[in-house]
């Protein structure tokens, strides 16, 4: 009997020690998040982190994706960022030397094509390019339904897009348009658009009626629809639109890698992706979430997608940006 009691006490002690050990190994400290995401998306993840990672303090540095990636590159000798969230593969591909490989346990719910082959990034959500239309500013014209229609001179000065050199959104939009359209039509589109250095200005300018049309991602434009602006409509071009993932990245030699990995896992979790869908209208990368249960957006399978190679977009980025600058200058 005494031996049984002693064994039980030892077992209990072992369990206590194991529990204490596990608790002591929970990630802690500060995580520096470099992010190009909007305030609502960032707040969604940082608030969730406070609940699920109580010992981790998340600080966010915001800016354009290209600007932040160049900053990470400049800080490579003494990294200050732990996590970058986020950009598309067509931009991330030029900065691979600054990323650390990581395979999250949450990645099992994410399609393999949304994970970089060497696990340098994982798709956190999916972006769909849309034409954001302010119907009050159409002057009686029907909303353009195709990319070719956007190249019509009638839309000159009525379309706004961000600078593709500074915005991965704009780069995805315009590189894709260059593939759908022939050279003359793409040149005409370039003449029709106004370019903004600030990606958020595209949204506000259309919402406020300064422009009739903005070229952007679905999640950005849908925020105004969900906010009650009935004059704002989302058009998915019937000649095909473009889809890309937005990825999360662990920075190479991050100051706090353990806490960064925990944040990375949380961002890919089902709870986080549902929260991002409901609050920031981000299509989840996970296959176990049905979009229509949470927001009034079409299922991806109902949208005509024009296939774009991220590898080609990344390889031709410098060439494309030079051509775009020339088109804008002529």
C-alpha atoms as a PDB file:
ATOM      1  CA  UNK A   1       0.000   0.000   0.000  1.00  0.00           C
ATOM      2  CA  UNK A   2       2.803   2.406   0.978  1.00  0.00           C
ATOM      3  CA  UNK A   3       4.517   1.707  -2.329  1.00  0.00           C
ATOM      4  CA  UNK A   4       1.305   2.470  -4.211  1.00  0.00           C
ATOM      5  CA  UNK A   5       0.863   5.752  -2.341  1.00  0.00           C
ATOM      6  CA  UNK A   6       4.504   6.675  -2.940  1.00  0.00           C
ATOM      7  CA  UNK A   7       4.159   5.836  -6.625  1.00  0.00           C
ATOM      8  CA  UNK A   8       1.033   7.971  -6.856  1.00  0.00           C
ATOM      9  CA  UNK A   9       2.760  10.891  -5.158  1.00  0.00           C
ATOM     10  CA  UNK A  10       5.756  10.565  -7.445  1.00  0.00           C
ATOM     11  CA  UNK A  11       3.471  10.421 -10.463  1.00  0.00           C
ATOM     12  CA  UNK A  12       1.616  13.499  -9.285  1.00  0.00           C
ATOM     13  CA  UNK A  13       4.895  15.249  -8.702  1.00  0.00           C
ATOM     14  CA  UNK A  14       6.077  14.285 -12.132  1.00  0.00           C
ATOM     15  CA  UNK A  15       2.894  15.623 -13.636  1.00  0.00           C
ATOM     16  CA  UNK A  16       3.286  18.873 -11.735  1.00  0.00           C
ATOM     17  CA  UNK A  17       6.859  19.200 -12.848  1.00  0.00           C
ATOM     18  CA  UNK A  18       5.885  18.416 -16.427  1.00  0.00           C
ATOM     19  CA  UNK A  19       3.093  20.984 -16.354  1.00  0.00           C
ATOM     20  CA  UNK A  20       5.378  23.582 -14.823  1.00  0.00           C
ATOM     21  CA  UNK A  21       8.030  22.803 -17.384  1.00  0.00           C
ATOM     22  CA  UNK A  22       5.538  23.102 -20.237  1.00  0.00           C
ATOM     23  CA  UNK A  23       4.260  26.420 -18.878  1.00  0.00           C
ATOM     24  CA  UNK A  24       7.805  27.751 -18.550  1.00  0.00           C
ATOM     25  CA  UNK A  25       8.384  26.873 -22.215  1.00  0.00           C
ATOM     26  CA  UNK A  26       5.442  28.940 -23.448  1.00  0.00           C
ATOM     27  CA  UNK A  27       6.730  31.674 -25.803  1.00  0.00           C
ATOM     28  CA  UNK A  28       7.197  35.048 -24.242  1.00  0.00           C
ATOM     29  CA  UNK A  29       8.698  38.424 -24.982  1.00  0.00           C
ATOM     30  CA  UNK A  30       8.128  40.926 -27.767  1.00  0.00           C
ATOM     31  CA  UNK A  31       7.335  40.202 -31.394  1.00  0.00           C
ATOM     32  CA  UNK A  32       7.967  42.906 -33.954  1.00  0.00           C
ATOM     33  CA  UNK A  33       5.469  42.600 -36.780  1.00  0.00           C
ATOM     34  CA  UNK A  34       6.254  44.433 -40.013  1.00  0.00           C
ATOM     35  CA  UNK A  35       2.987  44.611 -41.945  1.00  0.00           C
ATOM     36  CA  UNK A  36       1.430  46.229 -44.986  1.00  0.00           C
ATOM     37  CA  UNK A  37      -2.049  45.204 -43.848  1.00  0.00           C
ATOM     38  CA  UNK A  38      -4.763  47.676 -42.943  1.00  0.00           C
ATOM     39  CA  UNK A  39      -5.608  48.686 -39.394  1.00  0.00           C
ATOM     40  CA  UNK A  40      -8.585  46.318 -39.061  1.00  0.00           C
ATOM     41  CA  UNK A  41      -6.589  43.266 -40.164  1.00  0.00           C
ATOM     42  CA  UNK A  42      -3.685  44.124 -37.870  1.00  0.00           C
ATOM     43  CA  UNK A  43      -6.021  44.757 -34.927  1.00  0.00           C
ATOM     44  CA  UNK A  44      -7.734  41.417 -35.534  1.00  0.00           C
ATOM     45  CA  UNK A  45      -4.503  39.449 -35.177  1.00  0.00           C
ATOM     46  CA  UNK A  46      -2.979  41.498 -32.372  1.00  0.00           C
ATOM     47  CA  UNK A  47      -6.170  41.238 -30.308  1.00  0.00           C
ATOM     48  CA  UNK A  48      -6.275  37.484 -30.870  1.00  0.00           C
ATOM     49  CA  UNK A  49      -2.624  37.256 -29.845  1.00  0.00           C
ATOM     50  CA  UNK A  50      -3.405  38.962 -26.546  1.00  0.00           C
ATOM     51  CA  UNK A  51      -5.898  36.200 -25.795  1.00  0.00           C
ATOM     52  CA  UNK A  52      -4.054  33.189 -27.152  1.00  0.00           C
ATOM     53  CA  UNK A  53      -0.444  34.252 -26.537  1.00  0.00           C
ATOM     54  CA  UNK A  54      -0.748  36.241 -23.298  1.00  0.00           C
ATOM     55  CA  UNK A  55       2.997  36.261 -22.643  1.00  0.00           C
ATOM     56  CA  UNK A  56       3.798  37.689 -26.081  1.00  0.00           C
ATOM     57  CA  UNK A  57       3.643  41.426 -26.705  1.00  0.00           C
ATOM     58  CA  UNK A  58       3.111  42.261 -30.373  1.00  0.00           C
ATOM     59  CA  UNK A  59       4.246  45.577 -31.793  1.00  0.00           C
ATOM     60  CA  UNK A  60       3.371  46.501 -35.377  1.00  0.00           C
ATOM     61  CA  UNK A  61       5.333  48.599 -37.864  1.00  0.00           C
ATOM     62  CA  UNK A  62       3.156  49.474 -40.849  1.00  0.00           C
ATOM     63  CA  UNK A  63       3.935  50.629 -44.367  1.00  0.00           C
ATOM     64  CA  UNK A  64       3.943  49.596 -48.007  1.00  0.00           C
ATOM     65  CA  UNK A  65       5.038  46.032 -48.693  1.00  0.00           C
ATOM     66  CA  UNK A  66       7.999  46.954 -50.911  1.00  0.00           C
ATOM     67  CA  UNK A  67       9.147  49.600 -48.443  1.00  0.00           C
ATOM     68  CA  UNK A  68       9.031  47.195 -45.503  1.00  0.00           C
ATOM     69  CA  UNK A  69      10.789  44.421 -47.401  1.00  0.00           C
ATOM     70  CA  UNK A  70      13.577  46.800 -48.351  1.00  0.00           C
ATOM     71  CA  UNK A  71      13.798  47.833 -44.698  1.00  0.00           C
ATOM     72  CA  UNK A  72      14.117  44.185 -43.639  1.00  0.00           C
ATOM     73  CA  UNK A  73      16.844  43.781 -46.254  1.00  0.00           C
ATOM     74  CA  UNK A  74      18.669  46.882 -44.970  1.00  0.00           C
ATOM     75  CA  UNK A  75      18.445  45.580 -41.377  1.00  0.00           C
ATOM     76  CA  UNK A  76      19.744  42.108 -42.274  1.00  0.00           C
ATOM     77  CA  UNK A  77      22.972  42.483 -40.256  1.00  0.00           C
ATOM     78  CA  UNK A  78      20.932  43.245 -37.125  1.00  0.00           C
ATOM     79  CA  UNK A  79      17.293  42.303 -37.768  1.00  0.00           C
ATOM     80  CA  UNK A  80      14.608  44.232 -35.936  1.00  0.00           C
ATOM     81  CA  UNK A  81      11.573  42.438 -37.404  1.00  0.00           C
ATOM     82  CA  UNK A  82      10.401  38.980 -36.372  1.00  0.00           C
ATOM     83  CA  UNK A  83       7.468  38.544 -38.762  1.00  0.00           C
ATOM     84  CA  UNK A  84       6.549  40.097 -42.106  1.00  0.00           C
ATOM     85  CA  UNK A  85       2.856  40.048 -43.041  1.00  0.00           C
ATOM     86  CA  UNK A  86       2.560  40.453 -45.896  1.00  0.00           C
ATOM     87  CA  UNK A  87       2.913  40.491 -49.619  1.00  0.00           C
ATOM     88  CA  UNK A  88       2.404  38.290 -52.651  1.00  0.00           C
ATOM     89  CA  UNK A  89       4.939  35.749 -53.960  1.00  0.00           C
ATOM     90  CA  UNK A  90       5.568  37.943 -57.002  1.00  0.00           C
ATOM     91  CA  UNK A  91       7.205  40.458 -54.653  1.00  0.00           C
ATOM     92  CA  UNK A  92       8.461  38.151 -51.888  1.00  0.00           C
ATOM     93  CA  UNK A  93      10.519  36.184 -54.380  1.00  0.00           C
ATOM     94  CA  UNK A  94      13.040  39.006 -54.634  1.00  0.00           C
ATOM     95  CA  UNK A  95      13.792  38.931 -50.897  1.00  0.00           C
ATOM     96  CA  UNK A  96      14.175  35.209 -50.145  1.00  0.00           C
ATOM     97  CA  UNK A  97      17.596  35.697 -48.573  1.00  0.00           C
ATOM     98  CA  UNK A  98      15.946  37.542 -45.697  1.00  0.00           C
ATOM     99  CA  UNK A  99      13.482  34.790 -44.744  1.00  0.00           C
ATOM    100  CA  UNK A 100      13.863  31.794 -42.443  1.00  0.00           C
ATOM    101  CA  UNK A 101      12.248  28.459 -43.385  1.00  0.00           C
ATOM    102  CA  UNK A 102       9.468  27.284 -41.115  1.00  0.00           C
ATOM    103  CA  UNK A 103       6.822  24.575 -41.367  1.00  0.00           C
ATOM    104  CA  UNK A 104       3.831  25.419 -39.232  1.00  0.00           C
ATOM    105  CA  UNK A 105       1.680  22.593 -37.834  1.00  0.00           C
ATOM    106  CA  UNK A 106      -1.289  24.603 -39.158  1.00  0.00           C
ATOM    107  CA  UNK A 107       0.002  24.244 -42.726  1.00  0.00           C
ATOM    108  CA  UNK A 108      -1.647  20.836 -43.057  1.00  0.00           C
ATOM    109  CA  UNK A 109      -4.944  22.642 -43.700  1.00  0.00           C
ATOM    110  CA  UNK A 110      -3.432  24.822 -46.434  1.00  0.00           C
ATOM    111  CA  UNK A 111      -2.978  23.704 -50.075  1.00  0.00           C
ATOM    112  CA  UNK A 112       0.600  22.885 -51.015  1.00  0.00           C
ATOM    113  CA  UNK A 113       0.578  25.401 -53.871  1.00  0.00           C
ATOM    114  CA  UNK A 114       0.165  28.194 -51.290  1.00  0.00           C
ATOM    115  CA  UNK A 115       3.346  27.175 -49.474  1.00  0.00           C
ATOM    116  CA  UNK A 116       6.772  28.158 -50.819  1.00  0.00           C
ATOM    117  CA  UNK A 117       8.676  24.959 -51.822  1.00  0.00           C
ATOM    118  CA  UNK A 118      11.405  25.619 -49.241  1.00  0.00           C
ATOM    119  CA  UNK A 119       8.832  26.753 -46.645  1.00  0.00           C
ATOM    120  CA  UNK A 120      10.059  30.347 -46.705  1.00  0.00           C
ATOM    121  CA  UNK A 121       6.452  31.546 -46.558  1.00  0.00           C
ATOM    122  CA  UNK A 122       2.927  30.216 -46.180  1.00  0.00           C
ATOM    123  CA  UNK A 123      -0.217  31.662 -47.703  1.00  0.00           C
ATOM    124  CA  UNK A 124      -2.224  33.294 -44.924  1.00  0.00           C
ATOM    125  CA  UNK A 125      -5.153  34.369 -47.065  1.00  0.00           C
ATOM    126  CA  UNK A 126      -6.153  34.679 -50.712  1.00  0.00           C
ATOM    127  CA  UNK A 127      -6.607  37.934 -52.596  1.00  0.00           C
ATOM    128  CA  UNK A 128      -8.858  38.397 -55.619  1.00  0.00           C
ATOM    129  CA  UNK A 129      -8.423  41.439 -57.875  1.00  0.00           C
ATOM    130  CA  UNK A 130     -11.628  43.437 -58.402  1.00  0.00           C
ATOM    131  CA  UNK A 131     -12.776  46.605 -60.088  1.00  0.00           C
ATOM    132  CA  UNK A 132     -14.126  48.831 -57.321  1.00  0.00           C
ATOM    133  CA  UNK A 133     -16.878  51.010 -58.809  1.00  0.00           C
ATOM    134  CA  UNK A 134     -18.659  54.072 -57.435  1.00  0.00           C
ATOM    135  CA  UNK A 135     -21.933  53.871 -59.366  1.00  0.00           C
ATOM    136  CA  UNK A 136     -22.754  57.529 -58.654  1.00  0.00           C
ATOM    137  CA  UNK A 137     -19.716  58.560 -60.700  1.00  0.00           C
ATOM    138  CA  UNK A 138     -20.452  56.539 -63.840  1.00  0.00           C
ATOM    139  CA  UNK A 139     -22.331  59.416 -65.526  1.00  0.00           C
ATOM    140  CA  UNK A 140     -24.971  57.053 -66.834  1.00  0.00           C
ATOM    141  CA  UNK A 141     -22.473  54.606 -68.330  1.00  0.00           C
ATOM    142  CA  UNK A 142     -22.626  50.904 -67.518  1.00  0.00           C
ATOM    143  CA  UNK A 143     -19.877  49.695 -65.226  1.00  0.00           C
ATOM    144  CA  UNK A 144     -17.001  48.158 -67.203  1.00  0.00           C
ATOM    145  CA  UNK A 145     -17.248  44.385 -67.183  1.00  0.00           C
ATOM    146  CA  UNK A 146     -13.912  43.497 -68.788  1.00  0.00           C
ATOM    147  CA  UNK A 147     -10.298  44.622 -68.753  1.00  0.00           C
ATOM    148  CA  UNK A 148     -10.647  45.638 -72.392  1.00  0.00           C
ATOM    149  CA  UNK A 149     -13.486  48.008 -71.496  1.00  0.00           C
ATOM    150  CA  UNK A 150     -11.231  49.688 -68.911  1.00  0.00           C
ATOM    151  CA  UNK A 151      -8.866  50.568 -71.768  1.00  0.00           C
ATOM    152  CA  UNK A 152     -11.609  52.558 -73.518  1.00  0.00           C
ATOM    153  CA  UNK A 153     -10.750  56.306 -73.682  1.00  0.00           C
ATOM    154  CA  UNK A 154     -14.113  57.113 -72.068  1.00  0.00           C
ATOM    155  CA  UNK A 155     -12.548  56.114 -68.733  1.00  0.00           C
ATOM    156  CA  UNK A 156      -9.498  58.358 -69.038  1.00  0.00           C
ATOM    157  CA  UNK A 157      -8.923  60.162 -65.741  1.00  0.00           C
ATOM    158  CA  UNK A 158     -11.652  58.177 -63.989  1.00  0.00           C
ATOM    159  CA  UNK A 159      -9.561  55.205 -62.837  1.00  0.00           C
ATOM    160  CA  UNK A 160      -7.094  55.154 -59.955  1.00  0.00           C
ATOM    161  CA  UNK A 161      -4.508  52.500 -59.037  1.00  0.00           C
ATOM    162  CA  UNK A 162      -1.559  52.430 -56.657  1.00  0.00           C
ATOM    163  CA  UNK A 163       2.076  52.584 -57.753  1.00  0.00           C
ATOM    164  CA  UNK A 164       3.152  49.024 -58.663  1.00  0.00           C
ATOM    165  CA  UNK A 165       6.708  49.808 -57.534  1.00  0.00           C
ATOM    166  CA  UNK A 166       5.462  50.413 -53.987  1.00  0.00           C
ATOM    167  CA  UNK A 167       2.358  48.236 -53.742  1.00  0.00           C
ATOM    168  CA  UNK A 168       2.193  44.482 -54.253  1.00  0.00           C
ATOM    169  CA  UNK A 169      -1.561  44.908 -54.802  1.00  0.00           C
ATOM    170  CA  UNK A 170      -1.012  47.236 -57.737  1.00  0.00           C
ATOM    171  CA  UNK A 171       1.764  45.076 -59.130  1.00  0.00           C
ATOM    172  CA  UNK A 172      -0.524  42.031 -59.098  1.00  0.00           C
ATOM    173  CA  UNK A 173      -3.307  44.045 -60.766  1.00  0.00           C
ATOM    174  CA  UNK A 174      -1.200  45.589 -63.515  1.00  0.00           C
ATOM    175  CA  UNK A 175       1.027  42.611 -64.294  1.00  0.00           C
ATOM    176  CA  UNK A 176      -2.128  40.542 -64.674  1.00  0.00           C
ATOM    177  CA  UNK A 177      -3.762  43.164 -66.891  1.00  0.00           C
ATOM    178  CA  UNK A 178      -0.683  43.149 -69.116  1.00  0.00           C
ATOM    179  CA  UNK A 179      -1.280  39.429 -69.722  1.00  0.00           C
ATOM    180  CA  UNK A 180      -5.016  39.674 -70.416  1.00  0.00           C
ATOM    181  CA  UNK A 181      -4.704  42.655 -72.777  1.00  0.00           C
ATOM    182  CA  UNK A 182      -2.708  43.010 -75.957  1.00  0.00           C
ATOM    183  CA  UNK A 183       0.083  45.598 -76.022  1.00  0.00           C
ATOM    184  CA  UNK A 184      -2.036  48.402 -77.478  1.00  0.00           C
ATOM    185  CA  UNK A 185      -4.909  47.871 -75.057  1.00  0.00           C
ATOM    186  CA  UNK A 186      -2.549  47.780 -72.082  1.00  0.00           C
ATOM    187  CA  UNK A 187      -0.924  51.004 -73.274  1.00  0.00           C
ATOM    188  CA  UNK A 188      -4.398  52.567 -73.482  1.00  0.00           C
ATOM    189  CA  UNK A 189      -5.176  51.394 -69.949  1.00  0.00           C
ATOM    190  CA  UNK A 190      -1.949  52.975 -68.721  1.00  0.00           C
ATOM    191  CA  UNK A 191      -3.074  56.271 -70.242  1.00  0.00           C
ATOM    192  CA  UNK A 192      -6.464  56.034 -68.546  1.00  0.00           C
ATOM    193  CA  UNK A 193      -5.271  55.583 -64.977  1.00  0.00           C
ATOM    194  CA  UNK A 194      -4.076  57.943 -62.298  1.00  0.00           C
ATOM    195  CA  UNK A 195      -1.340  56.451 -60.119  1.00  0.00           C
ATOM    196  CA  UNK A 196      -1.304  57.050 -56.377  1.00  0.00           C
ATOM    197  CA  UNK A 197       1.772  56.475 -54.228  1.00  0.00           C
ATOM    198  CA  UNK A 198      -0.547  55.602 -51.359  1.00  0.00           C
ATOM    199  CA  UNK A 199      -2.492  52.363 -51.870  1.00  0.00           C
ATOM    200  CA  UNK A 200      -5.136  53.372 -49.321  1.00  0.00           C
ATOM    201  CA  UNK A 201      -5.845  56.511 -51.372  1.00  0.00           C
ATOM    202  CA  UNK A 202      -7.231  54.295 -54.139  1.00  0.00           C
ATOM    203  CA  UNK A 203      -9.994  53.130 -51.818  1.00  0.00           C
ATOM    204  CA  UNK A 204     -10.820  56.457 -50.216  1.00  0.00           C
ATOM    205  CA  UNK A 205     -10.791  58.278 -53.565  1.00  0.00           C
ATOM    206  CA  UNK A 206     -13.390  55.934 -55.036  1.00  0.00           C
ATOM    207  CA  UNK A 207     -15.447  55.844 -51.845  1.00  0.00           C
ATOM    208  CA  UNK A 208     -15.534  59.653 -51.729  1.00  0.00           C
ATOM    209  CA  UNK A 209     -16.428  59.971 -55.404  1.00  0.00           C
ATOM    210  CA  UNK A 210     -13.175  61.498 -56.615  1.00  0.00           C
ATOM    211  CA  UNK A 211     -12.782  58.604 -59.045  1.00  0.00           C
ATOM    212  CA  UNK A 212     -15.358  56.294 -60.555  1.00  0.00           C
ATOM    213  CA  UNK A 213     -13.127  53.225 -60.562  1.00  0.00           C
ATOM    214  CA  UNK A 214     -10.338  51.790 -58.423  1.00  0.00           C
ATOM    215  CA  UNK A 215      -8.245  48.716 -59.182  1.00  0.00           C
ATOM    216  CA  UNK A 216      -7.612  46.839 -55.967  1.00  0.00           C
ATOM    217  CA  UNK A 217      -8.084  43.655 -53.966  1.00  0.00           C
ATOM    218  CA  UNK A 218     -11.518  42.335 -53.050  1.00  0.00           C
ATOM    219  CA  UNK A 219     -11.021  42.555 -49.275  1.00  0.00           C
ATOM    220  CA  UNK A 220     -10.125  46.243 -49.449  1.00  0.00           C
ATOM    221  CA  UNK A 221     -13.133  47.209 -51.561  1.00  0.00           C
ATOM    222  CA  UNK A 222     -15.645  44.982 -49.781  1.00  0.00           C
ATOM    223  CA  UNK A 223     -15.030  46.849 -46.525  1.00  0.00           C
ATOM    224  CA  UNK A 224     -16.972  49.787 -48.000  1.00  0.00           C
ATOM    225  CA  UNK A 225     -19.826  47.542 -49.143  1.00  0.00           C
ATOM    226  CA  UNK A 226     -20.022  45.961 -45.694  1.00  0.00           C
ATOM    227  CA  UNK A 227     -19.874  49.453 -44.205  1.00  0.00           C
ATOM    228  CA  UNK A 228     -23.119  50.385 -45.953  1.00  0.00           C
ATOM    229  CA  UNK A 229     -21.984  52.371 -49.008  1.00  0.00           C
ATOM    230  CA  UNK A 230     -24.606  51.122 -51.464  1.00  0.00           C
ATOM    231  CA  UNK A 231     -23.053  53.008 -54.367  1.00  0.00           C
ATOM    232  CA  UNK A 232     -19.903  50.882 -54.133  1.00  0.00           C
ATOM    233  CA  UNK A 233     -19.943  47.736 -56.260  1.00  0.00           C
ATOM    234  CA  UNK A 234     -17.368  45.035 -56.837  1.00  0.00           C
ATOM    235  CA  UNK A 235     -16.884  43.881 -60.418  1.00  0.00           C
ATOM    236  CA  UNK A 236     -15.092  40.616 -61.191  1.00  0.00           C
ATOM    237  CA  UNK A 237     -14.017  41.036 -64.857  1.00  0.00           C
ATOM    238  CA  UNK A 238     -15.672  38.394 -66.989  1.00  0.00           C
ATOM    239  CA  UNK A 239     -12.555  37.954 -69.106  1.00  0.00           C
ATOM    240  CA  UNK A 240     -10.867  36.722 -65.940  1.00  0.00           C
ATOM    241  CA  UNK A 241      -9.396  38.226 -62.842  1.00  0.00           C
ATOM    242  CA  UNK A 242      -6.252  37.472 -60.866  1.00  0.00           C
ATOM    243  CA  UNK A 243      -5.753  35.590 -57.641  1.00  0.00           C
ATOM    244  CA  UNK A 244      -2.716  35.574 -55.404  1.00  0.00           C
ATOM    245  CA  UNK A 245      -2.022  34.544 -51.856  1.00  0.00           C
ATOM    246  CA  UNK A 246      -0.900  36.878 -49.133  1.00  0.00           C
ATOM    247  CA  UNK A 247       1.848  35.183 -47.185  1.00  0.00           C
ATOM    248  CA  UNK A 248       3.311  35.282 -43.710  1.00  0.00           C
ATOM    249  CA  UNK A 249       7.082  35.175 -43.323  1.00  0.00           C
ATOM    250  CA  UNK A 250       9.508  34.448 -40.496  1.00  0.00           C
ATOM    251  CA  UNK A 251      12.423  36.875 -40.754  1.00  0.00           C
ATOM    252  CA  UNK A 252      15.880  35.308 -40.869  1.00  0.00           C
ATOM    253  CA  UNK A 253      17.764  35.699 -37.556  1.00  0.00           C
ATOM    254  CA  UNK A 254      14.645  37.209 -35.975  1.00  0.00           C
ATOM    255  CA  UNK A 255      15.224  38.679 -32.492  1.00  0.00           C
ATOM    256  CA  UNK A 256      12.558  36.453 -30.905  1.00  0.00           C
ATOM    257  CA  UNK A 257      12.103  33.376 -33.126  1.00  0.00           C
ATOM    258  CA  UNK A 258      10.164  31.222 -30.623  1.00  0.00           C
ATOM    259  CA  UNK A 259       7.480  33.840 -30.057  1.00  0.00           C
ATOM    260  CA  UNK A 260       7.499  34.651 -33.775  1.00  0.00           C
ATOM    261  CA  UNK A 261       6.774  31.011 -34.638  1.00  0.00           C
ATOM    262  CA  UNK A 262       3.906  30.972 -32.134  1.00  0.00           C
ATOM    263  CA  UNK A 263       2.437  34.110 -33.739  1.00  0.00           C
ATOM    264  CA  UNK A 264       2.915  32.561 -37.195  1.00  0.00           C
ATOM    265  CA  UNK A 265       1.004  29.447 -36.101  1.00  0.00           C
ATOM    266  CA  UNK A 266      -1.772  31.529 -34.613  1.00  0.00           C
ATOM    267  CA  UNK A 267      -2.141  33.585 -37.817  1.00  0.00           C
ATOM    268  CA  UNK A 268      -2.684  30.380 -39.802  1.00  0.00           C
ATOM    269  CA  UNK A 269      -5.134  28.865 -37.311  1.00  0.00           C
ATOM    270  CA  UNK A 270      -8.807  28.388 -38.120  1.00  0.00           C
ATOM    271  CA  UNK A 271      -9.841  30.859 -35.403  1.00  0.00           C
ATOM    272  CA  UNK A 272      -7.584  33.563 -36.825  1.00  0.00           C
ATOM    273  CA  UNK A 273      -8.618  33.035 -40.427  1.00  0.00           C
ATOM    274  CA  UNK A 274     -12.319  33.140 -39.563  1.00  0.00           C
ATOM    275  CA  UNK A 275     -11.751  36.315 -37.545  1.00  0.00           C
ATOM    276  CA  UNK A 276      -9.857  37.888 -40.454  1.00  0.00           C
ATOM    277  CA  UNK A 277     -12.665  36.917 -42.830  1.00  0.00           C
ATOM    278  CA  UNK A 278     -15.401  38.349 -40.605  1.00  0.00           C
ATOM    279  CA  UNK A 279     -13.606  41.553 -39.626  1.00  0.00           C
ATOM    280  CA  UNK A 280     -11.227  42.305 -42.491  1.00  0.00           C
ATOM    281  CA  UNK A 281     -12.886  40.271 -45.298  1.00  0.00           C
ATOM    282  CA  UNK A 282      -9.766  38.232 -46.039  1.00  0.00           C
ATOM    283  CA  UNK A 283     -10.448  35.012 -47.918  1.00  0.00           C
ATOM    284  CA  UNK A 284      -8.872  32.206 -45.902  1.00  0.00           C
ATOM    285  CA  UNK A 285      -6.116  30.063 -47.327  1.00  0.00           C
ATOM    286  CA  UNK A 286      -7.358  27.108 -45.272  1.00  0.00           C
ATOM    287  CA  UNK A 287      -9.561  24.543 -46.998  1.00  0.00           C
ATOM    288  CA  UNK A 288     -11.798  23.956 -43.953  1.00  0.00           C
ATOM    289  CA  UNK A 289     -13.581  27.344 -44.002  1.00  0.00           C
ATOM    290  CA  UNK A 290     -16.620  28.118 -46.193  1.00  0.00           C
ATOM    291  CA  UNK A 291     -16.549  31.818 -47.075  1.00  0.00           C
ATOM    292  CA  UNK A 292     -20.296  32.212 -47.637  1.00  0.00           C
ATOM    293  CA  UNK A 293     -21.076  31.261 -44.034  1.00  0.00           C
ATOM    294  CA  UNK A 294     -19.417  34.425 -42.777  1.00  0.00           C
ATOM    295  CA  UNK A 295     -19.594  37.157 -45.448  1.00  0.00           C
ATOM    296  CA  UNK A 296     -21.534  37.918 -48.619  1.00  0.00           C
ATOM    297  CA  UNK A 297     -18.739  37.181 -51.059  1.00  0.00           C
ATOM    298  CA  UNK A 298     -18.869  34.700 -53.933  1.00  0.00           C
ATOM    299  CA  UNK A 299     -17.122  31.385 -53.521  1.00  0.00           C
ATOM    300  CA  UNK A 300     -13.837  31.319 -55.385  1.00  0.00           C
ATOM    301  CA  UNK A 301     -15.015  28.495 -57.641  1.00  0.00           C
ATOM    302  CA  UNK A 302     -17.685  30.819 -59.099  1.00  0.00           C
ATOM    303  CA  UNK A 303     -15.154  33.458 -60.202  1.00  0.00           C
ATOM    304  CA  UNK A 304     -13.381  33.218 -63.555  1.00  0.00           C
ATOM    305  CA  UNK A 305      -9.661  33.311 -62.825  1.00  0.00           C
ATOM    306  CA  UNK A 306      -7.054  34.196 -65.417  1.00  0.00           C
ATOM    307  CA  UNK A 307      -3.952  32.198 -64.488  1.00  0.00           C
ATOM    308  CA  UNK A 308      -0.841  34.232 -63.718  1.00  0.00           C
ATOM    309  CA  UNK A 309       2.571  32.746 -62.942  1.00  0.00           C
ATOM    310  CA  UNK A 310       3.959  34.188 -59.719  1.00  0.00           C
ATOM    311  CA  UNK A 311       7.396  32.978 -60.739  1.00  0.00           C
ATOM    312  CA  UNK A 312       7.182  34.899 -64.016  1.00  0.00           C
ATOM    313  CA  UNK A 313       5.803  37.976 -62.265  1.00  0.00           C
ATOM    314  CA  UNK A 314       8.705  37.907 -59.823  1.00  0.00           C
ATOM    315  CA  UNK A 315      11.347  37.259 -62.493  1.00  0.00           C
ATOM    316  CA  UNK A 316      10.071  40.061 -64.731  1.00  0.00           C
ATOM    317  CA  UNK A 317       9.352  42.583 -61.992  1.00  0.00           C
ATOM    318  CA  UNK A 318      12.222  44.967 -62.798  1.00  0.00           C
ATOM    319  CA  UNK A 319      11.519  44.775 -66.530  1.00  0.00           C
ATOM    320  CA  UNK A 320       7.791  45.326 -66.054  1.00  0.00           C
ATOM    321  CA  UNK A 321       8.220  48.305 -63.733  1.00  0.00           C
ATOM    322  CA  UNK A 322      10.563  49.963 -66.225  1.00  0.00           C
ATOM    323  CA  UNK A 323       8.013  49.447 -69.018  1.00  0.00           C
ATOM    324  CA  UNK A 324       5.211  50.782 -66.819  1.00  0.00           C
ATOM    325  CA  UNK A 325       7.213  53.896 -65.990  1.00  0.00           C
ATOM    326  CA  UNK A 326       7.822  54.442 -69.691  1.00  0.00           C
ATOM    327  CA  UNK A 327       4.128  54.067 -70.492  1.00  0.00           C
ATOM    328  CA  UNK A 328       3.239  56.548 -67.790  1.00  0.00           C
ATOM    329  CA  UNK A 329       5.848  59.009 -69.032  1.00  0.00           C
ATOM    330  CA  UNK A 330       4.822  59.009 -72.690  1.00  0.00           C
END
